[in-house]
Protein backbone atom coordinates (compact mmCIF):
# COMPACT_ATOMS: atom_id res chain seq x y z
CA MET A 1 0.01 0.01 -0.02
CA LYS A 2 1.31 3.42 -0.95
CA GLU A 3 1.76 5.95 1.90
CA PRO A 4 -0.01 9.25 1.68
CA ASN A 5 2.10 11.79 -0.30
CA LEU A 6 2.30 15.41 0.84
CA PHE A 7 2.35 16.71 -2.70
CA LYS A 8 -0.82 14.83 -3.65
CA PHE A 9 -2.49 17.64 -1.57
CA ALA A 10 0.13 20.46 -2.00
CA THR A 11 -0.45 20.75 -5.67
CA SER A 12 -0.24 24.58 -6.18
CA GLU A 13 2.74 26.37 -7.86
CA LEU A 14 3.43 27.93 -4.55
CA SER A 15 4.04 24.52 -3.05
CA GLN A 16 6.46 23.75 -5.85
CA ASP A 17 8.11 27.20 -5.34
CA ALA A 18 8.59 26.22 -1.69
CA PHE A 19 10.19 22.92 -2.56
CA ILE A 20 12.55 24.46 -5.02
CA CYS A 21 13.59 27.21 -2.57
CA TRP A 22 14.02 24.49 0.15
CA LEU A 23 16.31 22.26 -2.05
CA LEU A 24 18.38 25.26 -3.29
CA SER A 25 18.92 26.42 0.26
CA TRP A 26 20.53 23.11 1.11
CA ALA A 27 23.42 24.12 -1.26
CA ASP A 28 24.53 26.79 1.18
CA PRO A 29 27.81 25.72 2.71
CA LYS A 30 26.60 26.18 6.24
CA TYR A 31 24.23 23.25 5.86
CA LYS A 32 26.90 20.81 4.65
CA THR A 33 27.43 19.23 8.08
CA ILE A 34 23.70 18.89 8.78
CA ASP A 35 23.04 16.68 5.74
CA LYS A 36 25.88 16.30 3.31
CA ASN A 37 23.69 14.40 0.74
CA LEU A 38 21.04 17.10 0.54
CA HIS A 39 23.77 19.64 0.37
CA GLN A 40 25.30 17.91 -2.60
CA CYS A 41 22.00 17.52 -4.29
CA GLY A 42 21.23 21.26 -3.87
CA ILE A 43 24.57 22.00 -5.48
CA LYS A 44 23.73 19.60 -8.31
CA LEU A 45 20.56 21.49 -8.97
CA ILE A 46 22.33 24.85 -9.16
CA GLU A 47 25.05 23.27 -11.41
CA SER A 48 22.28 21.99 -13.81
CA PHE A 49 21.04 25.58 -14.18
CA PHE A 50 24.47 26.82 -15.12
CA THR A 51 24.83 23.88 -17.55
CA LYS A 52 21.56 24.80 -19.14
CA HIS A 53 23.14 28.15 -19.94
CA LYS A 54 26.46 26.63 -20.99
CA LYS A 55 28.31 28.13 -18.02
CA PHE A 56 30.52 26.61 -15.35
CA LEU A 57 29.62 26.59 -11.74
CA PRO A 58 31.98 28.78 -9.65
CA SER A 59 34.65 26.65 -8.15
CA SER A 60 33.82 27.82 -4.64
CA LEU A 61 30.24 28.43 -3.42
CA THR A 62 30.61 30.62 -0.38
CA LYS A 63 27.08 32.07 -0.15
CA ILE A 64 23.65 30.95 -1.33
CA GLU A 65 20.77 33.34 -0.91
CA VAL A 66 17.29 32.14 -1.90
CA ILE A 67 14.43 34.60 -2.24
CA LYS A 68 10.77 33.75 -2.93
CA GLN A 69 8.40 36.22 -4.68
CA ASP A 70 10.78 39.13 -5.17
CA SER A 71 9.00 41.62 -7.44
CA TYR A 72 6.61 38.73 -8.42
CA ILE A 73 9.62 36.58 -9.55
CA ASP A 74 8.89 33.08 -8.27
CA VAL A 75 12.41 32.21 -7.11
CA LEU A 76 15.69 34.12 -7.12
CA CYS A 77 18.85 32.24 -6.20
CA ILE A 78 21.93 34.45 -5.68
CA ILE A 79 25.28 32.92 -5.57
CA ASN A 80 28.31 34.46 -4.04
CA ASP A 81 26.58 37.83 -4.40
CA GLU A 82 27.66 37.63 -8.13
CA TYR A 83 25.34 35.19 -10.07
CA VAL A 84 21.62 35.22 -10.04
CA ILE A 85 19.39 32.39 -11.13
CA LEU A 86 15.91 33.70 -12.06
CA ILE A 87 13.34 30.98 -11.91
CA GLU A 88 9.81 31.30 -13.35
CA ASP A 89 8.08 28.25 -11.95
CA LYS A 90 5.07 26.61 -13.61
CA THR A 91 2.89 23.44 -13.18
CA TRP A 92 -0.28 23.56 -15.24
CA THR A 93 -0.10 27.21 -16.29
CA LYS A 94 2.09 28.75 -18.99
CA ALA A 95 3.87 32.13 -19.32
CA HIS A 96 1.41 34.92 -20.20
CA GLY A 97 1.72 38.43 -21.42
CA ASP A 98 5.15 40.05 -21.09
CA GLN A 99 5.86 38.55 -17.66
CA LEU A 100 9.11 36.80 -18.63
CA LYS A 101 10.46 39.97 -20.30
CA ARG A 102 9.46 42.08 -17.27
CA TYR A 103 11.09 39.73 -14.70
CA LEU A 104 14.32 39.65 -16.66
CA ALA A 105 14.34 43.40 -17.17
CA GLU A 106 13.83 43.81 -13.33
CA ILE A 107 17.00 41.80 -12.63
CA LYS A 108 19.03 43.52 -15.33
CA ASP A 109 18.28 46.83 -13.71
CA ARG A 110 20.09 45.61 -10.54
CA SER A 111 23.88 45.49 -10.04
CA TYR A 112 24.45 42.18 -11.69
CA LYS A 113 26.51 41.65 -14.82
CA GLU A 114 24.22 40.63 -17.68
CA GLU A 115 26.28 37.48 -18.39
CA ASN A 116 25.87 36.42 -14.77
CA ILE A 117 22.04 36.36 -14.97
CA LEU A 118 20.64 32.84 -15.62
CA PRO A 119 16.85 32.92 -16.41
CA ILE A 120 15.15 29.52 -16.09
CA TYR A 121 11.61 28.42 -17.07
CA PHE A 122 10.90 25.62 -14.60
CA LYS A 123 7.96 23.44 -15.84
CA THR A 124 6.91 20.18 -14.27
CA ARG A 125 3.78 19.64 -16.28
CA ASP A 126 3.71 19.56 -20.07
CA GLN A 127 2.98 22.01 -22.80
CA ALA A 128 3.25 21.87 -26.56
CA SER A 129 6.02 24.33 -27.30
CA TYR A 130 8.66 26.33 -25.58
CA GLU A 131 9.80 28.36 -28.61
CA ASN A 132 8.51 31.65 -27.26
CA ILE A 133 10.15 30.94 -23.89
CA GLU A 134 13.52 30.47 -25.50
CA LYS A 135 13.14 33.65 -27.52
CA GLU A 136 12.96 35.58 -24.26
CA GLY A 137 16.36 34.24 -23.18
CA TYR A 138 15.14 31.66 -20.80
CA LYS A 139 16.34 28.06 -20.69
CA THR A 140 13.73 25.44 -19.99
CA PHE A 141 14.11 23.02 -17.07
CA LEU A 142 11.37 20.40 -17.35
CA ARG A 143 10.14 17.48 -15.34
CA ASN A 144 12.61 15.00 -16.57
CA ASP A 145 15.49 17.45 -15.92
CA PHE A 146 14.34 17.79 -12.27
CA LEU A 147 13.80 14.08 -11.89
CA LYS A 148 17.39 13.47 -12.87
CA ILE A 149 18.51 15.68 -10.05
CA LEU A 150 16.10 14.10 -7.57
CA ASN A 151 17.16 10.57 -8.62
CA PHE A 152 20.82 11.66 -8.20
CA GLY A 153 19.89 12.57 -4.66
CA ASN A 154 18.05 9.36 -4.05
CA ASN A 155 21.06 7.42 -5.31
CA LEU A 156 23.19 9.42 -2.79
CA GLY A 157 20.88 7.92 -0.05
CA ILE A 158 18.78 10.94 0.84
CA GLU A 159 15.93 9.65 3.14
CA ASN A 160 14.39 12.98 3.92
CA ALA A 161 10.57 12.51 3.77
CA ILE A 162 9.85 15.84 2.02
CA PHE A 163 12.52 15.14 -0.60
CA GLN A 164 11.21 11.68 -1.27
CA ASP A 165 7.58 12.67 -1.38
CA PHE A 166 8.44 15.28 -4.00
CA ARG A 167 10.54 12.85 -6.08
CA LYS A 168 7.70 10.16 -5.95
CA HIS A 169 5.20 12.77 -6.90
CA LEU A 170 7.12 13.85 -10.07
CA GLN A 171 7.72 10.28 -10.98
CA SER A 172 3.95 9.57 -10.72
CA ILE A 173 3.24 12.35 -13.16
CA SER A 174 5.81 10.93 -15.67
CA ASP A 175 4.24 7.45 -15.18
CA ALA A 176 0.78 8.87 -15.81
CA VAL A 177 1.89 10.72 -19.02
CA ALA A 178 3.48 7.56 -20.28
CA SER A 179 0.36 5.52 -19.45
CA TYR A 180 -0.85 5.74 -23.06
CA LEU A 181 1.67 3.02 -23.96
CA VAL A 182 0.44 0.53 -21.36
CA LEU A 183 -3.33 1.27 -20.66
CA PRO A 184 -5.97 -0.06 -23.04
CA ILE A 185 -7.25 3.02 -24.93
CA LYS A 186 -10.65 2.72 -23.38
CA ASP A 187 -9.02 3.53 -20.03
CA TRP A 188 -7.10 6.61 -21.07
CA HIS A 189 -7.21 9.65 -18.85
CA ARG A 190 -6.13 13.25 -19.29
CA ASN A 191 -2.41 12.49 -18.78
CA SER A 192 -2.59 9.57 -21.21
CA TRP A 193 -3.83 11.98 -23.91
CA ILE A 194 -1.06 14.42 -23.14
CA GLY A 195 1.50 11.63 -23.50
CA PHE A 196 -0.06 10.50 -26.84
CA TYR A 197 -0.03 14.11 -28.14
CA LEU A 198 3.68 14.54 -27.16
CA LYS A 199 4.54 11.43 -28.91
CA LEU A 200 2.66 12.51 -32.07
CA GLN A 201 4.57 15.71 -32.16
CA GLU A 202 7.74 13.68 -32.11
CA GLU A 203 6.56 11.16 -34.71
CA LEU A 204 4.88 13.72 -37.06
CA ALA A 205 7.56 16.37 -36.52
CA THR A 206 4.72 18.91 -36.31
CA GLY A 207 1.52 19.82 -34.59
CA ASN A 208 0.38 21.72 -31.65
CA TRP A 209 -1.95 20.80 -28.66
CA ASP A 210 -3.70 22.50 -25.85
CA TYR A 211 -6.95 22.40 -23.81
CA VAL A 212 -9.90 23.80 -25.72
CA SER A 213 -12.87 24.94 -23.64
CA ASN A 214 -16.42 24.78 -24.96
CA PRO A 215 -20.01 24.61 -23.45
CA SER A 216 -19.80 20.79 -23.55
CA GLY A 217 -16.98 20.56 -21.07
CA GLY A 218 -13.94 21.07 -23.29
CA PHE A 219 -11.30 18.66 -24.62
CA LEU A 220 -7.53 18.32 -25.20
CA GLY A 221 -7.01 19.08 -28.91
CA PHE A 222 -4.21 18.38 -31.21
CA TRP A 223 -4.00 20.09 -34.75
CA TRP A 224 -1.70 19.88 -37.69
CA GLY A 225 -1.62 19.50 -41.41
CA PHE A 226 -2.50 23.16 -42.16
CA GLN A 227 -2.76 24.10 -45.90
CA LYS A 228 -4.62 26.84 -47.69
CA ASP A 229 -6.13 27.86 -51.01
CA SER A 230 -7.14 31.25 -51.98
CA ASN A 231 -10.33 31.13 -49.89
CA CYS A 232 -9.65 29.22 -46.65
CA ARG A 233 -7.41 26.83 -44.67
CA GLN A 234 -7.98 23.14 -44.20
CA TYR A 235 -6.34 21.25 -41.42
CA LEU A 236 -6.70 18.15 -39.23
CA GLN A 237 -7.69 18.11 -35.50
CA LEU A 238 -7.94 15.43 -32.89
CA GLU A 239 -10.49 16.12 -30.08
CA GLN A 240 -9.38 13.17 -28.07
CA LYS A 241 -11.49 10.35 -29.49
CA LYS A 242 -12.79 12.43 -32.27
CA PHE A 243 -10.79 12.96 -35.52
CA CYS A 244 -11.89 15.87 -37.55
CA ILE A 245 -11.24 17.44 -40.88
CA LYS A 246 -11.78 21.23 -40.57
CA VAL A 247 -11.72 24.39 -42.43
CA GLU A 248 -10.87 27.97 -41.28
CA VAL A 249 -12.85 30.72 -42.96
CA ASN A 250 -12.28 34.31 -41.77
CA HIS A 251 -14.81 36.07 -44.04
CA ILE A 252 -18.21 35.74 -42.35
CA ALA A 253 -20.10 36.01 -45.63
CA ASP A 254 -18.19 33.12 -47.18
CA ARG A 255 -18.44 30.59 -44.40
CA ARG A 256 -21.52 28.66 -45.29
CA LYS A 257 -20.56 28.53 -49.00
CA LEU A 258 -16.95 27.40 -48.44
CA ARG A 259 -17.92 25.08 -45.72
CA ASN A 260 -20.38 23.22 -48.15
CA GLU A 261 -17.92 23.29 -51.05
CA ASN A 262 -15.18 21.65 -48.98
CA TYR A 263 -17.60 19.05 -47.68
CA GLN A 264 -18.74 18.13 -51.21
CA ARG A 265 -15.23 17.70 -52.54
CA MET A 266 -13.92 15.78 -49.52
CA LYS A 267 -16.87 13.47 -48.59
CA LEU A 268 -16.01 10.76 -51.22
CA LYS A 269 -12.24 11.03 -50.97
CA PHE A 270 -12.13 10.39 -47.19
CA SER A 271 -14.28 7.24 -46.95
CA GLY A 272 -13.25 6.66 -43.35
CA PHE A 273 -15.10 9.84 -42.37
CA LYS A 274 -18.67 11.04 -42.11
CA LYS A 275 -20.64 14.23 -41.96
CA PRO A 276 -20.95 15.65 -38.49
CA SER A 277 -24.38 15.62 -36.87
CA ARG A 278 -24.61 19.34 -37.48
CA PHE A 279 -22.47 21.89 -39.26
CA GLY A 280 -21.11 24.87 -37.42
CA ASN A 281 -20.99 28.38 -38.87
CA GLY A 282 -17.96 29.96 -37.26
CA THR A 283 -14.34 30.69 -38.15
CA TYR A 284 -13.27 27.03 -37.50
CA MET A 285 -15.77 24.39 -38.86
CA THR A 286 -15.72 20.64 -38.87
CA ILE A 287 -16.32 19.20 -42.34
CA LEU A 288 -15.87 15.52 -41.57
CA ILE A 289 -15.36 13.39 -38.51
CA ASN A 290 -14.02 9.73 -38.24
CA LYS A 291 -16.55 6.96 -38.55
CA GLU A 292 -14.62 4.51 -36.31
CA GLU A 293 -11.77 4.62 -33.84
CA TYR A 294 -8.67 6.09 -35.44
CA ARG A 295 -6.33 4.82 -32.81
CA LYS A 296 -5.04 1.40 -33.91
CA VAL A 297 -4.66 -1.13 -31.21
CA ASN A 298 -2.89 -4.29 -30.28
CA ALA A 299 -4.63 -7.60 -29.38
CA ASP A 300 -4.78 -6.47 -25.71
CA GLY A 301 -6.45 -3.10 -26.49
CA THR A 302 -3.30 -1.07 -25.97
CA LEU A 303 -2.23 1.47 -28.50
CA ASN A 304 -0.28 0.39 -31.59
CA ILE A 305 1.72 3.69 -32.07
CA GLU A 306 3.31 2.72 -35.35
CA LYS A 307 0.02 1.84 -37.15
CA THR A 308 -1.73 4.82 -35.61
CA VAL A 309 0.92 7.31 -36.83
CA ALA A 310 0.97 5.63 -40.24
CA TYR A 311 -2.80 6.14 -40.48
CA LEU A 312 -2.61 9.75 -39.43
CA LYS A 313 0.14 10.46 -41.90
CA LYS A 314 -1.92 8.83 -44.61
CA VAL A 315 -4.90 11.16 -43.88
CA ALA A 316 -2.55 14.18 -43.78
CA ASP A 317 -0.95 13.16 -47.07
CA SER A 318 -4.35 12.75 -48.65
CA LEU A 319 -5.47 16.19 -47.48
CA LYS A 320 -2.45 17.77 -49.16
CA THR A 321 -3.71 16.32 -52.53
CA ILE A 322 -7.47 16.78 -52.14
CA ASN A 323 -7.95 17.17 -55.90
CA LYS A 324 -6.80 13.55 -56.44
CA LYS A 325 -9.25 10.59 -56.56
CA GLU A 326 -7.82 7.99 -54.42
CA ASN A 327 -9.76 7.21 -51.28
CA ILE A 328 -8.63 6.36 -47.77
């Protein structure tokens, strides 16, 4: 039987901030004699931030100062009064507005050399893309990066209950995200879909995903295969179990006409799809939806990722050549 885990209940970003601050604080030399393994793990975490920025850790760490919520910055770790690690910490949420730019500007206005400022985007849940994060000068530090540090500490022999609870908590998230590989598809949950979409991004070398809210309760969507003609864009979208062929029409007066035209020219070509129960009349409209399960499975009901990806690629390739006559 699993023991209760503190971080099953302490799920907020503030709780994660606190753990990061706690572990970084152990790197201070004054704590070395209290718990040398936690001290070494704290140093390893700091070193990993330097490595992300392709910098070397100072040969001697004489002072570690950890500050939480300084000018709305989640965590600051100041080393030897010379280097500053700026951490924007996220779980489910993402960076918004110009917050990353503002936080970095705040630190640059202080007395630190610009080359000694190390901005880190610390994310333990998943998101589709980090391109905009990196454009702002931040280096990503993701769940698997942190697990490597925590497993390093575990291998040192750290027994501290707080440390072990957080390590097991992060590992449980990774296991849940990887569950799409081992659970029958009928038993998938939110994290299974996230893992599946991450794998699709890797296999298709394209695509984006996110939560889409709607009056029916929302879904996790994955979209790719965008192309356009002179009137509108066509693309593919997964709405978890639903596989859609969609059009994007920006001109209100043309929506009904272009929706119907696209349906007429696609309905015979995509034989594995059917007309939705009702057509929409917005910017993004579903033209066709899958008749049967698009996820290909093994004999035990688990996902066959190779066959599933091959099918999705086939549909995407066919959409690129919608004037041809071969059917799917």
